[in-house]
N, C-alpha and C. Protein backbone atom coordinates (compact mmCIF):
# COMPACT_ATOMS: atom_id res chain seq x y z
N MET A 1 34.11 18.81 -68.54
CA MET A 1 34.16 17.70 -67.51
C MET A 1 33.49 17.40 -67.17
N ALA A 2 33.33 16.11 -67.51
CA ALA A 2 31.90 15.64 -67.45
C ALA A 2 31.60 15.38 -65.56
N ARG A 3 30.04 15.44 -65.22
CA ARG A 3 29.94 15.65 -63.87
C ARG A 3 29.84 13.91 -62.90
N LEU A 4 30.05 14.41 -61.80
CA LEU A 4 29.70 12.78 -61.44
C LEU A 4 28.34 12.11 -61.71
N LEU A 5 27.78 13.88 -61.02
CA LEU A 5 26.20 12.97 -61.22
C LEU A 5 25.82 12.22 -62.54
N ASP A 6 25.67 13.00 -63.36
CA ASP A 6 25.53 13.00 -64.55
C ASP A 6 25.50 10.75 -64.98
N SER A 7 26.48 10.67 -64.60
CA SER A 7 26.46 8.58 -64.68
C SER A 7 26.30 8.27 -63.32
N ILE A 8 25.62 8.62 -62.06
CA ILE A 8 24.27 8.18 -61.82
C ILE A 8 22.98 7.54 -62.58
N HIS A 9 22.55 6.38 -62.92
CA HIS A 9 21.50 6.58 -63.02
C HIS A 9 20.23 5.37 -62.29
N SER A 10 21.12 5.22 -61.43
CA SER A 10 19.75 4.03 -60.21
C SER A 10 21.29 4.17 -59.02
N PRO A 11 20.23 3.09 -57.77
CA PRO A 11 21.13 3.49 -56.34
C PRO A 11 22.66 2.67 -56.38
N PHE A 12 22.44 1.41 -58.02
CA PHE A 12 23.33 0.87 -57.78
C PHE A 12 24.54 1.43 -58.01
N ASP A 13 24.66 2.46 -58.99
CA ASP A 13 25.49 3.63 -59.22
C ASP A 13 26.50 3.80 -57.66
N VAL A 14 25.13 4.76 -56.89
CA VAL A 14 25.48 5.15 -55.65
C VAL A 14 27.17 3.76 -55.26
N LYS A 15 26.13 2.56 -55.16
CA LYS A 15 27.10 2.36 -54.43
C LYS A 15 28.50 1.25 -55.10
N GLN A 16 28.24 1.82 -55.78
CA GLN A 16 29.85 1.87 -56.88
C GLN A 16 31.41 2.97 -56.21
N LEU A 17 30.31 3.55 -55.68
CA LEU A 17 31.63 5.29 -55.29
C LEU A 17 32.16 4.99 -54.27
N SER A 18 33.86 5.95 -53.92
CA SER A 18 34.28 5.92 -53.09
C SER A 18 34.03 6.89 -51.45
N LEU A 19 34.30 7.43 -51.09
CA LEU A 19 33.63 7.80 -49.85
C LEU A 19 34.26 9.10 -51.41
N ALA A 20 35.56 9.41 -51.22
CA ALA A 20 36.19 10.73 -51.75
C ALA A 20 34.77 11.14 -53.59
N GLN A 21 34.58 9.96 -53.50
CA GLN A 21 33.27 10.18 -55.03
C GLN A 21 32.14 10.54 -54.23
N MET A 22 31.74 9.97 -52.72
CA MET A 22 30.17 10.34 -52.24
C MET A 22 30.50 11.50 -52.15
N GLN A 23 31.80 11.81 -51.48
CA GLN A 23 31.29 13.39 -50.95
C GLN A 23 31.73 15.25 -52.37
N LEU A 24 31.99 14.18 -53.52
CA LEU A 24 32.37 14.51 -54.85
C LEU A 24 30.43 15.45 -55.17
N LEU A 25 29.90 14.20 -55.01
CA LEU A 25 28.79 13.50 -55.59
C LEU A 25 27.48 14.89 -55.09
N ALA A 26 27.93 14.42 -53.66
CA ALA A 26 27.05 15.31 -52.71
C ALA A 26 27.74 17.13 -53.19
N GLU A 27 28.24 17.08 -53.30
CA GLU A 27 28.56 18.94 -54.13
C GLU A 27 27.93 19.11 -55.17
N GLU A 28 27.68 17.52 -56.25
CA GLU A 28 26.86 17.86 -57.44
C GLU A 28 25.64 18.24 -57.24
N ILE A 29 25.23 17.29 -56.27
CA ILE A 29 23.96 16.83 -56.28
C ILE A 29 23.44 18.65 -55.58
N ARG A 30 23.89 19.07 -54.60
CA ARG A 30 23.23 20.59 -53.85
C ARG A 30 23.05 21.76 -55.32
N GLU A 31 24.85 21.89 -56.14
CA GLU A 31 24.94 22.18 -57.38
C GLU A 31 23.59 22.24 -58.32
N GLU A 32 23.17 21.03 -58.75
CA GLU A 32 22.02 21.22 -59.54
C GLU A 32 20.78 21.23 -58.58
N LEU A 33 20.59 21.20 -57.11
CA LEU A 33 19.32 21.12 -56.84
C LEU A 33 19.48 22.96 -56.63
N ILE A 34 20.16 24.11 -56.64
CA ILE A 34 20.69 25.90 -56.43
C ILE A 34 20.12 25.30 -57.77
N SER A 35 20.59 24.61 -58.85
CA SER A 35 20.68 24.97 -60.57
C SER A 35 19.07 25.44 -61.12
N VAL A 36 17.71 24.29 -60.15
CA VAL A 36 17.66 23.90 -61.22
C VAL A 36 15.81 24.25 -60.02
N LEU A 37 16.26 24.42 -59.11
CA LEU A 37 15.23 25.45 -57.67
C LEU A 37 15.31 26.25 -58.25
N SER A 38 16.57 26.81 -58.24
CA SER A 38 16.29 28.80 -58.37
C SER A 38 15.29 28.70 -59.73
N LYS A 39 15.06 28.36 -60.84
CA LYS A 39 13.99 28.74 -61.57
C LYS A 39 12.73 27.88 -62.03
N ASN A 40 12.63 26.65 -60.70
CA ASN A 40 11.59 25.51 -60.89
C ASN A 40 10.66 27.04 -59.31
N GLY A 41 11.83 26.98 -58.89
CA GLY A 41 10.42 27.05 -57.16
C GLY A 41 10.61 25.63 -56.33
N GLY A 42 10.56 25.83 -55.66
CA GLY A 42 10.75 24.10 -54.93
C GLY A 42 11.20 24.25 -53.57
N HIS A 43 11.61 23.47 -52.89
CA HIS A 43 12.27 22.68 -51.21
C HIS A 43 13.44 23.24 -51.26
N LEU A 44 13.85 24.15 -50.98
CA LEU A 44 15.69 24.59 -50.94
C LEU A 44 16.37 23.50 -50.39
N GLY A 45 15.34 23.81 -49.07
CA GLY A 45 16.76 23.77 -47.82
C GLY A 45 16.55 22.84 -47.38
N PRO A 46 14.99 21.93 -47.24
CA PRO A 46 14.78 20.18 -46.80
C PRO A 46 15.79 19.67 -47.89
N ASN A 47 15.82 19.36 -49.00
CA ASN A 47 16.49 18.36 -49.65
C ASN A 47 17.98 19.17 -49.42
N LEU A 48 18.69 20.18 -49.03
CA LEU A 48 20.25 20.17 -48.89
C LEU A 48 20.24 19.85 -47.99
N GLY A 49 19.01 20.13 -46.71
CA GLY A 49 19.41 19.14 -45.57
C GLY A 49 20.13 17.79 -45.68
N VAL A 50 19.31 17.02 -46.64
CA VAL A 50 19.20 15.09 -46.48
C VAL A 50 19.87 14.81 -47.04
N VAL A 51 21.25 15.59 -48.06
CA VAL A 51 21.97 15.17 -49.71
C VAL A 51 22.50 14.12 -48.85
N GLU A 52 23.28 13.92 -47.62
CA GLU A 52 24.30 12.56 -47.50
C GLU A 52 23.84 11.98 -46.87
N VAL A 53 22.68 11.91 -45.72
CA VAL A 53 21.90 11.12 -45.02
C VAL A 53 20.84 9.95 -46.26
N THR A 54 20.28 10.72 -47.37
CA THR A 54 19.72 10.04 -48.91
C THR A 54 21.24 9.74 -49.52
N LEU A 55 22.40 9.16 -49.38
CA LEU A 55 23.16 8.99 -50.31
C LEU A 55 23.64 7.97 -49.23
N ALA A 56 23.67 8.10 -48.11
CA ALA A 56 23.82 6.79 -47.32
C ALA A 56 23.04 5.54 -46.94
N MET A 57 21.33 6.48 -47.04
CA MET A 57 20.39 5.22 -47.39
C MET A 57 20.67 4.56 -48.50
N HIS A 58 21.00 5.46 -49.60
CA HIS A 58 20.73 4.27 -50.72
C HIS A 58 21.82 3.91 -51.01
N TYR A 59 23.04 4.83 -50.25
CA TYR A 59 24.61 3.10 -50.49
C TYR A 59 24.39 1.53 -49.70
N VAL A 60 23.34 1.66 -48.78
CA VAL A 60 23.12 0.77 -47.47
C VAL A 60 22.43 0.05 -48.17
N PHE A 61 21.20 0.75 -48.28
CA PHE A 61 19.40 -0.49 -48.78
C PHE A 61 19.51 -0.49 -49.78
N GLU A 62 18.38 -1.57 -50.80
CA GLU A 62 18.65 -1.31 -52.00
C GLU A 62 16.84 -0.60 -52.09
N THR A 63 16.77 -0.47 -52.70
CA THR A 63 14.87 0.75 -53.43
C THR A 63 15.07 -0.11 -54.52
N PRO A 64 13.83 -0.73 -55.33
CA PRO A 64 13.14 -0.39 -54.30
C PRO A 64 12.63 -1.42 -53.41
N ARG A 65 13.16 -2.37 -53.70
CA ARG A 65 12.58 -3.97 -52.36
C ARG A 65 12.97 -3.26 -50.82
N ASP A 66 13.48 -2.34 -50.27
CA ASP A 66 14.01 -1.57 -49.34
C ASP A 66 12.48 -0.07 -49.18
N GLN A 67 12.14 -0.47 -48.75
CA GLN A 67 11.22 0.98 -49.50
C GLN A 67 11.53 2.17 -48.06
N PHE A 68 11.70 3.35 -48.56
CA PHE A 68 12.15 4.38 -48.04
C PHE A 68 10.63 5.48 -48.14
N VAL A 69 10.46 5.86 -46.23
CA VAL A 69 9.04 6.71 -46.52
C VAL A 69 10.27 7.80 -45.72
N PHE A 70 9.70 8.84 -46.47
CA PHE A 70 10.53 10.66 -46.00
C PHE A 70 9.19 10.88 -45.49
N ASP A 71 9.09 11.59 -44.37
CA ASP A 71 7.83 12.20 -43.57
C ASP A 71 7.57 13.12 -44.20
N VAL A 72 8.46 14.06 -44.88
CA VAL A 72 8.30 15.42 -45.72
C VAL A 72 8.49 15.02 -47.14
N SER A 73 7.25 14.08 -48.08
CA SER A 73 8.57 14.52 -49.38
C SER A 73 8.38 15.00 -50.13
N HIS A 74 8.89 16.41 -49.89
CA HIS A 74 8.95 17.05 -50.55
C HIS A 74 10.64 17.33 -50.64
N GLN A 75 11.04 16.57 -49.36
CA GLN A 75 12.80 16.50 -49.51
C GLN A 75 12.90 14.63 -49.41
N ALA A 76 12.66 14.74 -50.71
CA ALA A 76 12.65 13.45 -51.43
C ALA A 76 13.64 13.76 -53.06
N TYR A 77 13.73 15.21 -53.35
CA TYR A 77 14.21 15.24 -54.71
C TYR A 77 16.06 15.01 -54.85
N VAL A 78 16.94 14.58 -53.43
CA VAL A 78 17.33 14.16 -53.93
C VAL A 78 17.77 12.17 -53.80
N HIS A 79 16.29 11.48 -53.90
CA HIS A 79 16.37 10.38 -54.00
C HIS A 79 15.27 10.04 -55.56
N LYS A 80 15.25 11.44 -55.73
CA LYS A 80 14.89 11.06 -57.28
C LYS A 80 15.37 11.60 -58.44
N LEU A 81 16.57 12.30 -58.01
CA LEU A 81 18.24 12.43 -58.78
C LEU A 81 18.53 10.99 -58.48
N LEU A 82 18.74 9.87 -57.47
CA LEU A 82 19.22 8.92 -57.59
C LEU A 82 19.03 7.82 -57.80
N THR A 83 17.62 7.75 -58.45
CA THR A 83 16.60 7.19 -58.39
C THR A 83 15.98 6.61 -60.29
N GLY A 84 17.16 7.19 -60.82
CA GLY A 84 16.59 7.49 -62.48
C GLY A 84 15.97 8.40 -62.72
N ARG A 85 15.91 9.34 -62.48
CA ARG A 85 14.92 10.82 -63.23
C ARG A 85 15.92 12.19 -62.75
N ARG A 86 17.56 11.70 -63.15
CA ARG A 86 18.26 12.44 -63.05
C ARG A 86 17.41 13.90 -64.25
N GLU A 87 17.88 12.48 -65.25
CA GLU A 87 17.68 13.41 -66.72
C GLU A 87 16.08 14.43 -66.91
N GLN A 88 15.71 14.06 -66.10
CA GLN A 88 14.12 14.73 -66.18
C GLN A 88 14.10 16.16 -64.98
N PHE A 89 15.07 16.16 -63.93
CA PHE A 89 15.20 16.52 -63.04
C PHE A 89 14.40 18.09 -63.05
N HIS A 90 15.08 18.82 -64.02
CA HIS A 90 15.20 19.99 -64.87
C HIS A 90 13.18 20.74 -64.76
N SER A 91 12.52 19.51 -64.88
CA SER A 91 11.38 19.99 -65.10
C SER A 91 10.50 19.44 -63.50
N ILE A 92 11.11 19.49 -62.87
CA ILE A 92 10.50 19.37 -61.23
C ILE A 92 9.64 20.16 -60.98
N ARG A 93 8.16 20.15 -60.73
CA ARG A 93 7.53 21.59 -60.14
C ARG A 93 7.00 21.97 -61.36
N THR A 94 7.08 20.91 -62.48
CA THR A 94 6.58 22.19 -63.99
C THR A 94 5.18 20.98 -64.29
N PRO A 95 4.54 22.02 -64.75
CA PRO A 95 3.18 20.89 -66.10
C PRO A 95 4.25 19.81 -66.22
N GLY A 96 3.51 18.75 -65.88
CA GLY A 96 3.44 16.99 -67.25
C GLY A 96 5.12 17.07 -66.54
N GLY A 97 6.41 17.77 -65.79
CA GLY A 97 7.16 17.34 -65.21
C GLY A 97 7.45 16.69 -63.85
N LEU A 98 8.66 16.00 -63.27
CA LEU A 98 8.25 15.79 -62.41
C LEU A 98 7.54 15.97 -61.31
N ASN A 99 7.12 15.61 -60.86
CA ASN A 99 5.91 16.18 -59.75
C ASN A 99 7.31 16.28 -57.67
N GLY A 100 6.17 17.38 -57.30
CA GLY A 100 7.48 18.07 -56.63
C GLY A 100 7.88 17.36 -55.13
N PHE A 101 6.78 16.31 -54.72
CA PHE A 101 6.78 14.72 -54.21
C PHE A 101 7.05 13.71 -54.27
N MET A 102 7.52 12.64 -53.62
CA MET A 102 7.11 11.95 -53.38
C MET A 102 6.07 11.19 -54.34
N LEU A 103 5.82 10.49 -55.42
CA LEU A 103 4.91 9.78 -56.11
C LEU A 103 4.75 8.18 -56.65
N ARG A 104 3.79 7.38 -55.91
CA ARG A 104 4.01 5.95 -55.99
C ARG A 104 3.87 5.66 -58.29
N THR A 105 3.20 6.19 -58.89
CA THR A 105 3.06 5.95 -59.70
C THR A 105 4.00 6.77 -60.68
N GLU A 106 4.79 7.89 -60.21
CA GLU A 106 5.84 8.34 -60.93
C GLU A 106 7.52 7.29 -60.73
N SER A 107 7.53 6.96 -60.09
CA SER A 107 8.56 6.10 -60.11
C SER A 107 8.76 4.13 -59.12
N PRO A 108 9.17 3.16 -59.21
CA PRO A 108 9.06 1.73 -58.40
C PRO A 108 9.94 2.39 -57.05
N HIS A 109 10.46 3.21 -57.07
CA HIS A 109 11.00 3.36 -56.14
C HIS A 109 10.59 4.57 -54.91
N ASP A 110 9.42 4.81 -55.56
CA ASP A 110 8.09 5.73 -54.32
C ASP A 110 7.46 4.66 -53.80
N CYS A 111 7.25 4.59 -52.18
CA CYS A 111 6.33 3.78 -51.77
C CYS A 111 5.61 3.93 -51.16
N TYR A 112 5.53 5.01 -50.91
CA TYR A 112 4.65 6.33 -50.00
C TYR A 112 4.67 7.95 -50.81
N GLY A 113 3.11 8.32 -50.99
CA GLY A 113 3.44 9.56 -51.35
C GLY A 113 2.76 10.71 -49.78
N ALA A 114 3.43 11.17 -49.66
CA ALA A 114 2.97 12.59 -48.71
C ALA A 114 3.13 13.59 -48.75
N GLY A 115 3.12 14.71 -48.43
CA GLY A 115 3.70 16.05 -48.31
C GLY A 115 3.87 16.91 -46.63
N HIS A 116 2.89 15.92 -45.89
CA HIS A 116 3.35 16.91 -45.01
C HIS A 116 3.75 15.86 -43.85
N ALA A 117 4.66 16.29 -42.69
CA ALA A 117 4.99 16.07 -41.74
C ALA A 117 4.74 15.44 -40.35
N GLY A 118 4.56 14.22 -40.05
CA GLY A 118 4.38 13.64 -39.17
C GLY A 118 3.65 12.06 -39.52
N THR A 119 4.26 12.05 -40.58
CA THR A 119 3.47 10.94 -41.15
C THR A 119 4.10 9.71 -42.05
N ALA A 120 5.62 9.61 -41.45
CA ALA A 120 6.33 8.57 -41.84
C ALA A 120 6.10 7.47 -41.08
N LEU A 121 6.58 7.85 -39.87
CA LEU A 121 6.26 6.88 -38.67
C LEU A 121 5.45 5.77 -38.57
N SER A 122 4.09 6.51 -39.55
CA SER A 122 2.84 5.57 -38.87
C SER A 122 2.96 4.94 -40.17
N ALA A 123 2.87 5.32 -41.09
CA ALA A 123 3.05 4.38 -42.57
C ALA A 123 4.23 4.23 -42.53
N ALA A 124 5.61 4.22 -42.66
CA ALA A 124 6.49 2.66 -42.37
C ALA A 124 6.08 2.13 -41.76
N LEU A 125 4.73 2.02 -40.16
CA LEU A 125 4.83 1.20 -38.97
C LEU A 125 3.48 0.33 -40.12
N GLY A 126 2.54 1.02 -40.53
CA GLY A 126 1.39 -0.03 -41.63
C GLY A 126 2.90 -0.72 -42.63
N MET A 127 3.46 -0.91 -43.25
CA MET A 127 4.04 -1.43 -44.05
C MET A 127 5.35 -2.59 -43.76
N ALA A 128 5.84 -2.03 -42.19
CA ALA A 128 6.72 -3.07 -41.40
C ALA A 128 5.58 -4.16 -41.35
N VAL A 129 4.37 -3.70 -40.95
CA VAL A 129 3.85 -4.67 -40.17
C VAL A 129 2.64 -5.66 -41.87
N ALA A 130 2.30 -5.05 -42.39
CA ALA A 130 1.98 -6.06 -43.77
C ALA A 130 3.01 -6.30 -43.57
N ARG A 131 4.80 -6.12 -44.37
CA ARG A 131 5.95 -6.75 -44.34
C ARG A 131 5.60 -8.40 -43.68
N ASP A 132 6.08 -8.13 -42.51
CA ASP A 132 5.91 -9.10 -41.45
C ASP A 132 5.16 -10.19 -41.76
N ARG A 133 3.35 -9.55 -41.96
CA ARG A 133 2.28 -10.66 -41.65
C ARG A 133 2.54 -11.31 -43.18
N ASN A 134 3.02 -11.10 -45.00
CA ASN A 134 3.19 -11.40 -45.80
C ASN A 134 4.68 -11.62 -45.85
N GLY A 135 5.33 -12.11 -44.72
CA GLY A 135 6.74 -13.07 -43.97
C GLY A 135 7.77 -12.69 -45.60
N GLY A 136 7.68 -11.39 -45.43
CA GLY A 136 8.71 -10.34 -46.11
C GLY A 136 10.23 -10.35 -45.45
N ASN A 137 11.29 -9.76 -45.89
CA ASN A 137 12.18 -9.06 -45.15
C ASN A 137 13.34 -8.05 -45.44
N GLU A 138 12.56 -7.44 -46.24
CA GLU A 138 12.84 -6.21 -46.49
C GLU A 138 13.05 -5.49 -46.06
N HIS A 139 13.52 -3.84 -46.04
CA HIS A 139 13.88 -3.30 -45.08
C HIS A 139 12.53 -2.15 -45.57
N VAL A 140 12.27 -2.15 -43.93
CA VAL A 140 12.09 -0.35 -44.31
C VAL A 140 12.41 0.65 -43.39
N VAL A 141 12.18 1.58 -43.85
CA VAL A 141 13.17 2.35 -43.23
C VAL A 141 12.01 4.46 -43.51
N ALA A 142 11.95 4.60 -42.62
CA ALA A 142 11.15 6.14 -42.20
C ALA A 142 12.50 7.18 -41.57
N LEU A 143 12.96 8.32 -42.80
CA LEU A 143 13.76 9.39 -42.59
C LEU A 143 12.86 10.76 -42.17
N ALA A 144 13.27 10.86 -40.39
CA ALA A 144 11.68 11.76 -39.87
C ALA A 144 12.85 12.90 -39.55
N GLY A 145 12.37 13.72 -39.31
CA GLY A 145 13.72 15.35 -39.07
C GLY A 145 12.35 15.32 -37.30
N ASP A 146 13.10 16.10 -37.25
CA ASP A 146 12.46 16.27 -35.41
C ASP A 146 11.24 17.40 -35.20
N ALA A 147 11.17 18.05 -35.90
CA ALA A 147 9.17 18.07 -36.46
C ALA A 147 8.92 17.61 -36.15
N ALA A 148 8.97 15.81 -36.81
CA ALA A 148 8.26 14.85 -36.85
C ALA A 148 7.76 14.31 -35.56
N PHE A 149 8.57 14.64 -34.58
CA PHE A 149 8.43 14.37 -33.73
C PHE A 149 7.14 15.35 -32.09
N THR A 150 6.82 16.80 -32.93
CA THR A 150 5.92 17.28 -32.16
C THR A 150 4.20 16.69 -32.72
N CYS A 151 4.22 15.93 -33.43
CA CYS A 151 2.89 15.61 -33.54
C CYS A 151 2.59 14.11 -33.18
N GLY A 152 0.96 14.35 -32.93
CA GLY A 152 0.52 13.03 -32.01
C GLY A 152 1.10 11.62 -32.77
N ILE A 153 0.60 11.44 -34.56
CA ILE A 153 0.86 10.52 -34.92
C ILE A 153 1.96 9.99 -35.14
N THR A 154 3.30 10.63 -35.06
CA THR A 154 4.78 9.65 -34.78
C THR A 154 4.51 9.43 -33.29
N TYR A 155 4.33 10.19 -32.30
CA TYR A 155 4.17 9.45 -31.41
C TYR A 155 3.13 8.29 -31.31
N GLU A 156 1.80 7.83 -31.86
CA GLU A 156 1.33 6.76 -31.65
C GLU A 156 1.83 5.61 -32.60
N ALA A 157 2.96 6.19 -33.44
CA ALA A 157 3.80 5.24 -33.92
C ALA A 157 4.92 4.66 -33.48
N LEU A 158 5.10 5.52 -32.39
CA LEU A 158 6.49 5.05 -31.58
C LEU A 158 6.14 3.98 -31.07
N ASN A 159 4.34 4.96 -30.02
CA ASN A 159 3.95 3.50 -28.95
C ASN A 159 3.81 2.17 -30.10
N ASN A 160 3.96 1.76 -31.49
CA ASN A 160 2.88 0.28 -30.92
C ASN A 160 4.06 -0.13 -32.15
N ILE A 161 5.41 0.32 -32.36
CA ILE A 161 6.44 0.16 -33.14
C ILE A 161 7.05 -1.26 -32.63
N ALA A 162 7.80 -1.23 -31.18
CA ALA A 162 7.60 -2.74 -31.00
C ALA A 162 6.73 -3.92 -31.03
N HIS A 163 5.61 -3.23 -30.90
CA HIS A 163 4.17 -4.35 -30.58
C HIS A 163 4.19 -5.43 -31.46
N HIS A 164 4.03 -4.05 -32.58
CA HIS A 164 3.26 -4.85 -33.53
C HIS A 164 4.42 -5.17 -35.17
N THR A 165 5.48 -5.12 -34.98
CA THR A 165 6.41 -5.36 -36.01
C THR A 165 7.68 -5.96 -35.23
N ARG A 166 8.79 -6.96 -35.90
CA ARG A 166 9.46 -7.20 -35.43
C ARG A 166 11.07 -6.85 -36.25
N ARG A 167 10.68 -5.40 -37.22
CA ARG A 167 12.01 -4.88 -37.61
C ARG A 167 11.34 -3.41 -37.73
N MET A 168 11.52 -2.56 -37.70
CA MET A 168 11.48 -1.16 -39.01
C MET A 168 12.29 -0.28 -38.34
N ILE A 169 13.51 0.39 -39.41
CA ILE A 169 14.32 1.29 -39.03
C ILE A 169 13.93 2.78 -38.92
N VAL A 170 14.12 3.39 -38.15
CA VAL A 170 13.62 5.01 -38.13
C VAL A 170 14.96 5.84 -37.90
N VAL A 171 15.10 6.95 -39.03
CA VAL A 171 16.37 7.49 -39.45
C VAL A 171 15.96 8.64 -39.14
N LEU A 172 16.84 9.85 -37.41
CA LEU A 172 16.16 10.67 -37.04
C LEU A 172 17.43 12.01 -37.68
N ALA A 173 16.69 12.73 -38.42
CA ALA A 173 17.89 13.72 -38.88
C ALA A 173 17.49 15.07 -38.27
N ALA A 174 18.65 15.30 -37.65
CA ALA A 174 19.22 16.40 -36.43
C ALA A 174 18.19 16.92 -37.73
N ASP A 175 17.90 19.12 -36.61
CA ASP A 175 17.91 19.91 -37.57
C ASP A 175 16.90 19.60 -38.73
N ASP A 176 15.73 19.53 -38.44
CA ASP A 176 14.06 18.82 -38.69
C ASP A 176 14.55 18.41 -40.36
N CYS A 177 15.87 18.66 -40.99
CA CYS A 177 15.78 18.21 -42.57
C CYS A 177 14.71 18.87 -43.66
N GLY A 178 14.25 20.35 -42.84
CA GLY A 178 13.17 21.14 -43.88
C GLY A 178 11.83 20.21 -43.42
N ALA A 179 11.81 19.77 -42.72
CA ALA A 179 10.15 19.64 -42.18
C ALA A 179 9.64 20.11 -42.14
N GLU A 180 8.40 21.38 -42.02
CA GLU A 180 7.55 22.01 -41.77
C GLU A 180 7.18 22.24 -40.50
N ARG A 181 7.08 23.57 -39.88
CA ARG A 181 6.86 23.87 -38.77
C ARG A 181 5.96 24.02 -38.02
C-alpha cells in the first residue's frame, strides 16, 4: 500500500489533507525519521517533537513566500520532507546528500541556516524589519523551544519586537522541541 508521505511533494499537498490524513501523515513521517536516522545518524528527538507543529505551520502558511526560522535548524527534517526533498531524504547527513541543517542553497523554503539554540527570534526580527521596510506582507514565523528562552539574544529580540516591527509570529514549542540544553 502506498504511503501518504509519498504523495507530498510540496507544502501545497499538505493543505489538501483532512485532519485524519494529517494524523496518518504524522505517523508516516515519524516512521521515516526513525528509519533513515537509524542508518545515517542525526537529530531524531528534536524532529519527533516537532512533527505536528511543522505540519500545522505548512498547513497555515505558504513557504517560501512566508519564512520559517527554526531555533535549532537540526529540527527542520520534517520541514525538508514537506518541501520537495522527500525523495532525497535517505541521503541526509551523508556526503553529497541533504544537509543536516537548514541550508538556503538547498531549497527556497529554507530562508535561514543556523544550528544553535537562541538565534531564531533575533533572525526572524531582522527578517520582519526588512520586510516592513520593503513594504512586504509575508509572514515571518520563528519556532523556538523553551531552551531558546535561556539565551540572552532571545531576550534582546523579545525586547525589540514590539518597537521595530509591525508583525512577527513566535511559536513557543514547550518541552524544548529538542533544542540543545
